[in-house]
PDB file of N, CA and C in Angstrom:
ATOM      1  N   MET A   1     -17.312   3.499  19.429  1.00  0.00           N
ATOM      2  CA  MET A   1     -16.860   4.705  20.430  1.00  0.00           C
ATOM      3  C   MET A   1     -16.137   5.572  21.268  1.00  0.00           C
ATOM      4  N   LEU A   2     -16.059   5.612  20.442  1.00  0.00           N
ATOM      5  CA  LEU A   2     -13.038   6.706  20.515  1.00  0.00           C
ATOM      6  C   LEU A   2     -14.114   7.064  23.075  1.00  0.00           C
ATOM      7  N   GLN A   3     -13.088   6.422  22.758  1.00  0.00           N
ATOM      8  CA  GLN A   3     -12.473   5.960  24.675  1.00  0.00           C
ATOM      9  C   GLN A   3     -11.740   7.169  24.728  1.00  0.00           C
ATOM     10  N   LYS A   4     -10.996   8.110  25.650  1.00  0.00           N
ATOM     11  CA  LYS A   4      -9.899   8.425  25.662  1.00  0.00           C
ATOM     12  C   LYS A   4      -8.820   7.709  26.869  1.00  0.00           C
ATOM     13  N   VAL A   5      -8.085   6.904  26.436  1.00  0.00           N
ATOM     14  CA  VAL A   5      -7.285   7.167  27.352  1.00  0.00           C
ATOM     15  C   VAL A   5      -5.384   7.487  27.759  1.00  0.00           C
ATOM     16  N   LYS A   6      -5.446   6.893  29.132  1.00  0.00           N
ATOM     17  CA  LYS A   6      -3.603   7.275  29.378  1.00  0.00           C
ATOM     18  C   LYS A   6      -2.654   6.291  29.782  1.00  0.00           C
ATOM     19  N   VAL A   7      -2.445   5.370  29.340  1.00  0.00           N
ATOM     20  CA  VAL A   7      -1.835   3.719  29.725  1.00  0.00           C
ATOM     21  C   VAL A   7      -0.891   3.866  28.805  1.00  0.00           C
ATOM     22  N   PRO A   8      -0.304   2.944  29.330  1.00  0.00           N
ATOM     23  CA  PRO A   8       1.301   2.493  28.491  1.00  0.00           C
ATOM     24  C   PRO A   8       0.823   1.191  28.231  1.00  0.00           C
ATOM     25  N   VAL A   9       2.043   0.714  26.506  1.00  0.00           N
ATOM     26  CA  VAL A   9       1.164  -0.541  25.559  1.00  0.00           C
ATOM     27  C   VAL A   9       3.165  -1.356  24.892  1.00  0.00           C
ATOM     28  N   SER A  10       2.279  -2.096  25.046  1.00  0.00           N
ATOM     29  CA  SER A  10       4.280  -2.504  24.247  1.00  0.00           C
ATOM     30  C   SER A  10       3.852  -2.619  22.448  1.00  0.00           C
ATOM     31  N   VAL A  11       4.590  -1.859  21.565  1.00  0.00           N
ATOM     32  CA  VAL A  11       4.679  -1.816  20.189  1.00  0.00           C
ATOM     33  C   VAL A  11       5.396  -2.363  19.825  1.00  0.00           C
ATOM     34  N   ILE A  12       5.180  -3.646  19.000  1.00  0.00           N
ATOM     35  CA  ILE A  12       6.821  -3.831  18.122  1.00  0.00           C
ATOM     36  C   ILE A  12       6.383  -3.212  16.553  1.00  0.00           C
ATOM     37  N   LEU A  13       8.077  -2.384  16.031  1.00  0.00           N
ATOM     38  CA  LEU A  13       8.562  -1.379  15.145  1.00  0.00           C
ATOM     39  C   LEU A  13       8.578  -1.689  13.789  1.00  0.00           C
ATOM     40  N   GLU A  14       8.743  -1.442  12.866  1.00  0.00           N
ATOM     41  CA  GLU A  14       9.889  -1.950  11.734  1.00  0.00           C
ATOM     42  C   GLU A  14      10.283  -0.724  11.584  1.00  0.00           C
ATOM     43  N   TYR A  15      11.545  -0.553  10.357  1.00  0.00           N
ATOM     44  CA  TYR A  15      11.961   0.241   9.732  1.00  0.00           C
ATOM     45  C   TYR A  15      12.191   0.155   8.539  1.00  0.00           C
ATOM     46  N   ASN A  16      12.145   0.909   7.557  1.00  0.00           N
ATOM     47  CA  ASN A  16      11.999   0.945   6.247  1.00  0.00           C
ATOM     48  C   ASN A  16      13.165   1.401   5.358  1.00  0.00           C
ATOM     49  N   SER A  17      14.391   0.444   5.791  1.00  0.00           N
ATOM     50  CA  SER A  17      15.500   1.613   4.365  1.00  0.00           C
ATOM     51  C   SER A  17      15.346   2.366   3.644  1.00  0.00           C
ATOM     52  N   LYS A  18      14.707   1.511   3.021  1.00  0.00           N
ATOM     53  CA  LYS A  18      13.960   1.577   1.431  1.00  0.00           C
ATOM     54  C   LYS A  18      13.101   3.117   1.339  1.00  0.00           C
ATOM     55  N   LEU A  19      12.414   3.325   2.525  1.00  0.00           N
ATOM     56  CA  LEU A  19      11.215   4.343   2.443  1.00  0.00           C
ATOM     57  C   LEU A  19      11.685   5.013   3.384  1.00  0.00           C
ATOM     58  N   ARG A  20      12.566   4.445   4.516  1.00  0.00           N
ATOM     59  CA  ARG A  20      13.449   5.190   5.158  1.00  0.00           C
ATOM     60  C   ARG A  20      11.508   5.950   6.678  1.00  0.00           C
ATOM     61  N   ARG A  21      11.479   5.029   7.046  1.00  0.00           N
ATOM     62  CA  ARG A  21      10.347   5.240   7.597  1.00  0.00           C
ATOM     63  C   ARG A  21      10.090   4.422   8.689  1.00  0.00           C
ATOM     64  N   VAL A  22       9.426   3.995   9.881  1.00  0.00           N
ATOM     65  CA  VAL A  22       8.998   3.375  10.817  1.00  0.00           C
ATOM     66  C   VAL A  22       7.474   3.351  10.857  1.00  0.00           C
ATOM     67  N   PHE A  23       6.855   1.731  10.828  1.00  0.00           N
ATOM     68  CA  PHE A  23       5.544   2.617  11.001  1.00  0.00           C
ATOM     69  C   PHE A  23       5.439   0.605  11.981  1.00  0.00           C
ATOM     70  N   PRO A  24       4.126   0.929  12.437  1.00  0.00           N
ATOM     71  CA  PRO A  24       3.890   0.487  13.686  1.00  0.00           C
ATOM     72  C   PRO A  24       2.897  -0.875  13.071  1.00  0.00           C
ATOM     73  N   LYS A  25       3.407  -2.442  13.983  1.00  0.00           N
ATOM     74  CA  LYS A  25       3.488  -3.503  13.558  1.00  0.00           C
ATOM     75  C   LYS A  25       2.019  -3.835  14.050  1.00  0.00           C
ATOM     76  N   SER A  26       2.472  -4.274  15.228  1.00  0.00           N
ATOM     77  CA  SER A  26       1.430  -4.989  16.034  1.00  0.00           C
ATOM     78  C   SER A  26       1.971  -3.734  17.646  1.00  0.00           C
ATOM     79  N   VAL A  27       0.403  -3.484  18.818  1.00  0.00           N
ATOM     80  CA  VAL A  27      -0.058  -3.315  19.652  1.00  0.00           C
ATOM     81  C   VAL A  27       0.003  -4.388  20.166  1.00  0.00           C
ATOM     82  N   HIS A  28       0.417  -4.229  22.247  1.00  0.00           N
ATOM     83  CA  HIS A  28      -0.062  -5.465  22.817  1.00  0.00           C
ATOM     84  C   HIS A  28      -0.767  -4.445  23.973  1.00  0.00           C
ATOM     85  N   TRP A  29      -1.993  -4.506  24.474  1.00  0.00           N
ATOM     86  CA  TRP A  29      -2.576  -3.769  25.102  1.00  0.00           C
ATOM     87  C   TRP A  29      -3.672  -5.135  26.117  1.00  0.00           C
ATOM     88  N   ASP A  30      -3.937  -4.406  27.126  1.00  0.00           N
ATOM     89  CA  ASP A  30      -4.450  -5.557  27.642  1.00  0.00           C
ATOM     90  C   ASP A  30      -4.551  -6.315  27.781  1.00  0.00           C
ATOM     91  N   GLY A  31      -3.018  -7.519  27.327  1.00  0.00           N
ATOM     92  CA  GLY A  31      -3.022  -8.637  27.858  1.00  0.00           C
ATOM     93  C   GLY A  31      -3.135  -9.593  26.189  1.00  0.00           C
ATOM     94  N   ASN A  32      -3.519  -8.627  25.403  1.00  0.00           N
ATOM     95  CA  ASN A  32      -3.894  -8.534  23.283  1.00  0.00           C
ATOM     96  C   ASN A  32      -3.843  -9.008  22.718  1.00  0.00           C
ATOM     97  N   ASP A  33      -2.961  -9.735  21.811  1.00  0.00           N
ATOM     98  CA  ASP A  33      -2.130  -8.105  20.541  1.00  0.00           C
ATOM     99  C   ASP A  33      -2.862  -7.814  19.590  1.00  0.00           C
ATOM    100  N   TYR A  34      -2.424  -6.998  18.317  1.00  0.00           N
ATOM    101  CA  TYR A  34      -3.874  -6.038  17.449  1.00  0.00           C
ATOM    102  C   TYR A  34      -2.568  -6.068  15.970  1.00  0.00           C
ATOM    103  N   PRO A  35      -2.714  -7.255  15.874  1.00  0.00           N
ATOM    104  CA  PRO A  35      -1.474  -6.673  14.519  1.00  0.00           C
ATOM    105  C   PRO A  35      -2.501  -5.469  13.966  1.00  0.00           C
ATOM    106  N   VAL A  36      -1.719  -4.439  13.867  1.00  0.00           N
ATOM    107  CA  VAL A  36      -1.636  -3.449  12.734  1.00  0.00           C
ATOM    108  C   VAL A  36      -1.593  -3.755  11.158  1.00  0.00           C
ATOM    109  N   THR A  37      -3.057  -2.931  10.660  1.00  0.00           N
ATOM    110  CA  THR A  37      -3.604  -2.939   9.097  1.00  0.00           C
ATOM    111  C   THR A  37      -3.118  -2.560   8.409  1.00  0.00           C
ATOM    112  N   LYS A  38      -3.232  -0.969   9.476  1.00  0.00           N
ATOM    113  CA  LYS A  38      -2.963   0.362   8.768  1.00  0.00           C
ATOM    114  C   LYS A  38      -2.685   0.850   9.109  1.00  0.00           C
ATOM    115  N   VAL A  39      -1.483   2.366   8.714  1.00  0.00           N
ATOM    116  CA  VAL A  39      -0.929   3.699   9.177  1.00  0.00           C
ATOM    117  C   VAL A  39      -2.054   4.994   9.261  1.00  0.00           C
ATOM    118  N   GLY A  40      -2.869   4.988   9.775  1.00  0.00           N
ATOM    119  CA  GLY A  40      -3.902   6.024   8.643  1.00  0.00           C
ATOM    120  C   GLY A  40      -3.103   7.501   8.839  1.00  0.00           C
ATOM    121  N   PHE A  41      -2.273   7.964   9.665  1.00  0.00           N
ATOM    122  CA  PHE A  41      -2.194   9.386  10.437  1.00  0.00           C
ATOM    123  C   PHE A  41      -0.834   9.502  11.093  1.00  0.00           C
ATOM    124  N   HIS A  42       0.496   9.946  10.425  1.00  0.00           N
ATOM    125  CA  HIS A  42       1.331  10.116  11.744  1.00  0.00           C
ATOM    126  C   HIS A  42       1.705  12.058  11.852  1.00  0.00           C
ATOM    127  N   HIS A  43       2.119  12.039  13.017  1.00  0.00           N
ATOM    128  CA  HIS A  43       2.672  13.602  13.119  1.00  0.00           C
ATOM    129  C   HIS A  43       3.332  13.162  14.439  1.00  0.00           C
ATOM    130  N   THR A  44       4.847  14.717  14.014  1.00  0.00           N
ATOM    131  CA  THR A  44       5.599  15.002  15.322  1.00  0.00           C
ATOM    132  C   THR A  44       5.080  16.642  15.317  1.00  0.00           C
ATOM    133  N   PHE A  45       5.465  16.482  16.833  1.00  0.00           N
ATOM    134  CA  PHE A  45       5.180  17.681  17.992  1.00  0.00           C
ATOM    135  C   PHE A  45       6.844  17.739  19.577  1.00  0.00           C
ATOM    136  N   ARG A  46       7.156  19.015  19.688  1.00  0.00           N
ATOM    137  CA  ARG A  46       7.525  19.098  20.448  1.00  0.00           C
ATOM    138  C   ARG A  46       6.446  19.300  22.445  1.00  0.00           C
ATOM    139  N   GLU A  47       7.707  18.609  23.484  1.00  0.00           N
ATOM    140  CA  GLU A  47       6.353  19.164  24.882  1.00  0.00           C
ATOM    141  C   GLU A  47       8.393  19.575  25.078  1.00  0.00           C
ATOM    142  N   GLY A  48       7.888  20.715  24.868  1.00  0.00           N
ATOM    143  CA  GLY A  48      10.336  21.126  25.321  1.00  0.00           C
ATOM    144  C   GLY A  48      11.162  20.625  24.508  1.00  0.00           C
ATOM    145  N   LYS A  49      11.559  19.854  25.463  1.00  0.00           N
ATOM    146  CA  LYS A  49      12.810  18.953  23.490  1.00  0.00           C
ATOM    147  C   LYS A  49      12.785  19.083  23.613  1.00  0.00           C
ATOM    148  N   THR A  50      11.180  18.100  24.339  1.00  0.00           N
ATOM    149  CA  THR A  50      11.060  15.994  24.017  1.00  0.00           C
ATOM    150  C   THR A  50      10.194  15.887  23.249  1.00  0.00           C
ATOM    151  N   LEU A  51      11.025  15.333  21.734  1.00  0.00           N
ATOM    152  CA  LEU A  51      10.570  14.594  20.554  1.00  0.00           C
ATOM    153  C   LEU A  51       8.579  13.961  20.965  1.00  0.00           C
ATOM    154  N   ILE A  52       7.548  14.095  19.622  1.00  0.00           N
ATOM    155  CA  ILE A  52       6.640  13.082  20.515  1.00  0.00           C
ATOM    156  C   ILE A  52       6.609  13.140  19.123  1.00  0.00           C
ATOM    157  N   HIS A  53       6.499  11.566  19.040  1.00  0.00           N
ATOM    158  CA  HIS A  53       5.565  10.944  17.983  1.00  0.00           C
ATOM    159  C   HIS A  53       3.638  10.672  18.284  1.00  0.00           C
ATOM    160  N   VAL A  54       3.101  10.700  16.869  1.00  0.00           N
ATOM    161  CA  VAL A  54       1.973  10.314  17.202  1.00  0.00           C
ATOM    162  C   VAL A  54       1.057   9.214  16.269  1.00  0.00           C
ATOM    163  N   PHE A  55       0.797   8.179  16.350  1.00  0.00           N
ATOM    164  CA  PHE A  55       0.428   7.413  14.464  1.00  0.00           C
ATOM    165  C   PHE A  55      -0.735   7.394  14.954  1.00  0.00           C
ATOM    166  N   SER A  56      -1.616   7.302  14.500  1.00  0.00           N
ATOM    167  CA  SER A  56      -3.166   6.806  14.226  1.00  0.00           C
ATOM    168  C   SER A  56      -3.290   5.008  13.388  1.00  0.00           C
ATOM    169  N   VAL A  57      -3.754   4.524  13.895  1.00  0.00           N
ATOM    170  CA  VAL A  57      -3.240   2.905  13.556  1.00  0.00           C
ATOM    171  C   VAL A  57      -4.986   2.443  13.751  1.00  0.00           C
ATOM    172  N   ASP A  58      -5.032   1.518  12.409  1.00  0.00           N
ATOM    173  CA  ASP A  58      -6.084   0.333  12.109  1.00  0.00           C
ATOM    174  C   ASP A  58      -5.375  -0.975  12.968  1.00  0.00           C
ATOM    175  N   THR A  59      -6.392  -1.592  13.425  1.00  0.00           N
ATOM    176  CA  THR A  59      -6.694  -2.813  13.621  1.00  0.00           C
ATOM    177  C   THR A  59      -7.395  -4.193  12.539  1.00  0.00           C
ATOM    178  N   PRO A  60      -7.462  -4.762  13.048  1.00  0.00           N
ATOM    179  CA  PRO A  60      -8.684  -5.556  12.984  1.00  0.00           C
ATOM    180  C   PRO A  60      -9.995  -5.754  13.395  1.00  0.00           C
ATOM    181  N   SER A  61     -10.044  -4.562  14.368  1.00  0.00           N
ATOM    182  CA  SER A  61     -11.388  -4.375  15.279  1.00  0.00           C
ATOM    183  C   SER A  61     -10.905  -3.144  16.148  1.00  0.00           C
ATOM    184  N   LEU A  62     -10.091  -2.236  15.618  1.00  0.00           N
ATOM    185  CA  LEU A  62      -9.798  -1.486  16.996  1.00  0.00           C
ATOM    186  C   LEU A  62      -8.630  -0.328  15.722  1.00  0.00           C
ATOM    187  N   PHE A  63      -8.994   0.618  16.501  1.00  0.00           N
ATOM    188  CA  PHE A  63      -8.302   1.789  15.938  1.00  0.00           C
ATOM    189  C   PHE A  63      -8.090   2.655  17.810  1.00  0.00           C
ATOM    190  N   PHE A  64      -6.339   3.020  17.119  1.00  0.00           N
ATOM    191  CA  PHE A  64      -5.834   3.435  18.303  1.00  0.00           C
ATOM    192  C   PHE A  64      -5.275   4.602  18.533  1.00  0.00           C
ATOM    193  N   ARG A  65      -4.309   5.345  19.064  1.00  0.00           N
ATOM    194  CA  ARG A  65      -4.645   6.359  18.331  1.00  0.00           C
ATOM    195  C   ARG A  65      -2.562   6.494  19.329  1.00  0.00           C
ATOM    196  N   LEU A  66      -1.553   6.084  18.511  1.00  0.00           N
ATOM    197  CA  LEU A  66      -0.963   5.911  19.955  1.00  0.00           C
ATOM    198  C   LEU A  66       0.335   6.986  20.345  1.00  0.00           C
ATOM    199  N   ARG A  67       0.716   7.311  21.152  1.00  0.00           N
ATOM    200  CA  ARG A  67       1.802   8.208  21.418  1.00  0.00           C
ATOM    201  C   ARG A  67       3.100   7.624  21.537  1.00  0.00           C
ATOM    202  N   LEU A  68       4.511   8.076  20.917  1.00  0.00           N
ATOM    203  CA  LEU A  68       6.058   7.499  21.569  1.00  0.00           C
ATOM    204  C   LEU A  68       6.789   8.850  21.841  1.00  0.00           C
ATOM    205  N   ASN A  69       7.127   8.815  23.310  1.00  0.00           N
ATOM    206  CA  ASN A  69       7.784   9.640  23.310  1.00  0.00           C
ATOM    207  C   ASN A  69      10.151   9.269  23.916  1.00  0.00           C
ATOM    208  N   THR A  70      10.142  10.065  22.664  1.00  0.00           N
ATOM    209  CA  THR A  70      12.010  10.108  21.669  1.00  0.00           C
ATOM    210  C   THR A  70      12.809   9.206  23.310  1.00  0.00           C
ATOM    211  N   ASP A  71      12.472  10.667  24.103  1.00  0.00           N
ATOM    212  CA  ASP A  71      13.546  10.963  25.843  1.00  0.00           C
ATOM    213  C   ASP A  71      13.574   9.461  26.101  1.00  0.00           C
ATOM    214  N   ASN A  72      12.217   8.620  26.359  1.00  0.00           N
ATOM    215  CA  ASN A  72      12.732   7.419  27.561  1.00  0.00           C
ATOM    216  C   ASN A  72      11.462   6.162  25.541  1.00  0.00           C
ATOM    217  N   LEU A  73      11.940   6.480  25.451  1.00  0.00           N
ATOM    218  CA  LEU A  73      10.783   5.371  23.979  1.00  0.00           C
ATOM    219  C   LEU A  73      10.249   4.861  24.911  1.00  0.00           C
ATOM    220  N   GLN A  74       9.087   5.483  25.205  1.00  0.00           N
ATOM    221  CA  GLN A  74       8.041   5.232  26.169  1.00  0.00           C
ATOM    222  C   GLN A  74       6.583   4.846  25.393  1.00  0.00           C
ATOM    223  N   TRP A  75       6.176   4.457  24.856  1.00  0.00           N
ATOM    224  CA  TRP A  75       4.381   4.413  23.790  1.00  0.00           C
ATOM    225  C   TRP A  75       3.548   4.272  24.915  1.00  0.00           C
ATOM    226  N   THR A  76       2.426   5.306  24.355  1.00  0.00           N
ATOM    227  CA  THR A  76       1.334   4.972  25.445  1.00  0.00           C
ATOM    228  C   THR A  76      -0.247   5.030  24.574  1.00  0.00           C
ATOM    229  N   LEU A  77      -1.047   4.210  24.217  1.00  0.00           N
ATOM    230  CA  LEU A  77      -2.439   4.749  24.239  1.00  0.00           C
ATOM    231  C   LEU A  77      -3.095   5.617  24.690  1.00  0.00           C
ATOM    232  N   GLU A  78      -2.925   6.236  23.769  1.00  0.00           N
ATOM    233  CA  GLU A  78      -4.137   7.182  24.171  1.00  0.00           C
ATOM    234  C   GLU A  78      -5.587   7.668  24.153  1.00  0.00           C
ATOM    235  N   GLU A  79      -5.940   6.775  23.072  1.00  0.00           N
ATOM    236  CA  GLU A  79      -7.329   7.000  22.287  1.00  0.00           C
ATOM    237  C   GLU A  79      -7.261   5.811  22.017  1.00  0.00           C
ATOM    238  N   ILE A  80      -8.856   4.279  21.591  1.00  0.00           N
ATOM    239  CA  ILE A  80      -9.651   3.222  21.255  1.00  0.00           C
ATOM    240  C   ILE A  80     -10.825   3.692  20.734  1.00  0.00           C
ATOM    241  N   SER A  81     -11.220   3.295  19.466  1.00  0.00           N
ATOM    242  CA  SER A  81     -12.386   3.246  19.330  1.00  0.00           C
ATOM    243  C   SER A  81     -12.856   2.198  18.870  1.00  0.00           C
ATOM    244  N   ASP A  82     -13.818   1.841  18.733  1.00  0.00           N
ATOM    245  CA  ASP A  82     -13.924   0.391  17.738  1.00  0.00           C
ATOM    246  C   ASP A  82     -14.928   0.719  16.314  1.00  0.00           C
ATOM    247  N   GLY A  83     -14.730   1.924  16.506  1.00  0.00           N
ATOM    248  CA  GLY A  83     -15.793   2.611  15.305  1.00  0.00           C
ATOM    249  C   GLY A  83     -17.391   2.999  15.103  1.00  0.00           C
ATOM    250  N   GLU A  84     -17.495   3.004  16.130  1.00  0.00           N
ATOM    251  CA  GLU A  84     -19.701   2.553  16.320  1.00  0.00           C
ATOM    252  C   GLU A  84     -19.932   4.505  17.210  1.00  0.00           C
ATOM    253  N   VAL A  85     -21.091   4.381  16.694  1.00  0.00           N
ATOM    254  CA  VAL A  85     -21.156   5.958  16.354  1.00  0.00           C
ATOM    255  C   VAL A  85     -21.352   6.090  17.936  1.00  0.00           C
ATOM    256  N   ASP A  86     -20.951   7.188  19.165  1.00  0.00           N
ATOM    257  CA  ASP A  86     -20.919   7.019  20.947  1.00  0.00           C
ATOM    258  C   ASP A  86     -22.966   8.113  21.145  1.00  0.00           C
TER     259      ASP A  86
END
């Protein structure tokens, strides 16, 4: 089931200098750590002058849509899915 939320989360991010890319490695939400197994989609857009990064990531049990605000470096969890059909 897909659930839209808007809650702050903690994210461990890795930067690969050879690929010049960043990858979320782990998400801490609701008292649990979720290791990221796959980054599916990443895109950017602007809200006014603020650059926003959006990452769609898989963990062993859930799918997350994460948003990074580059002005204040705050992460927000926007969507959660357990893969089941609504």
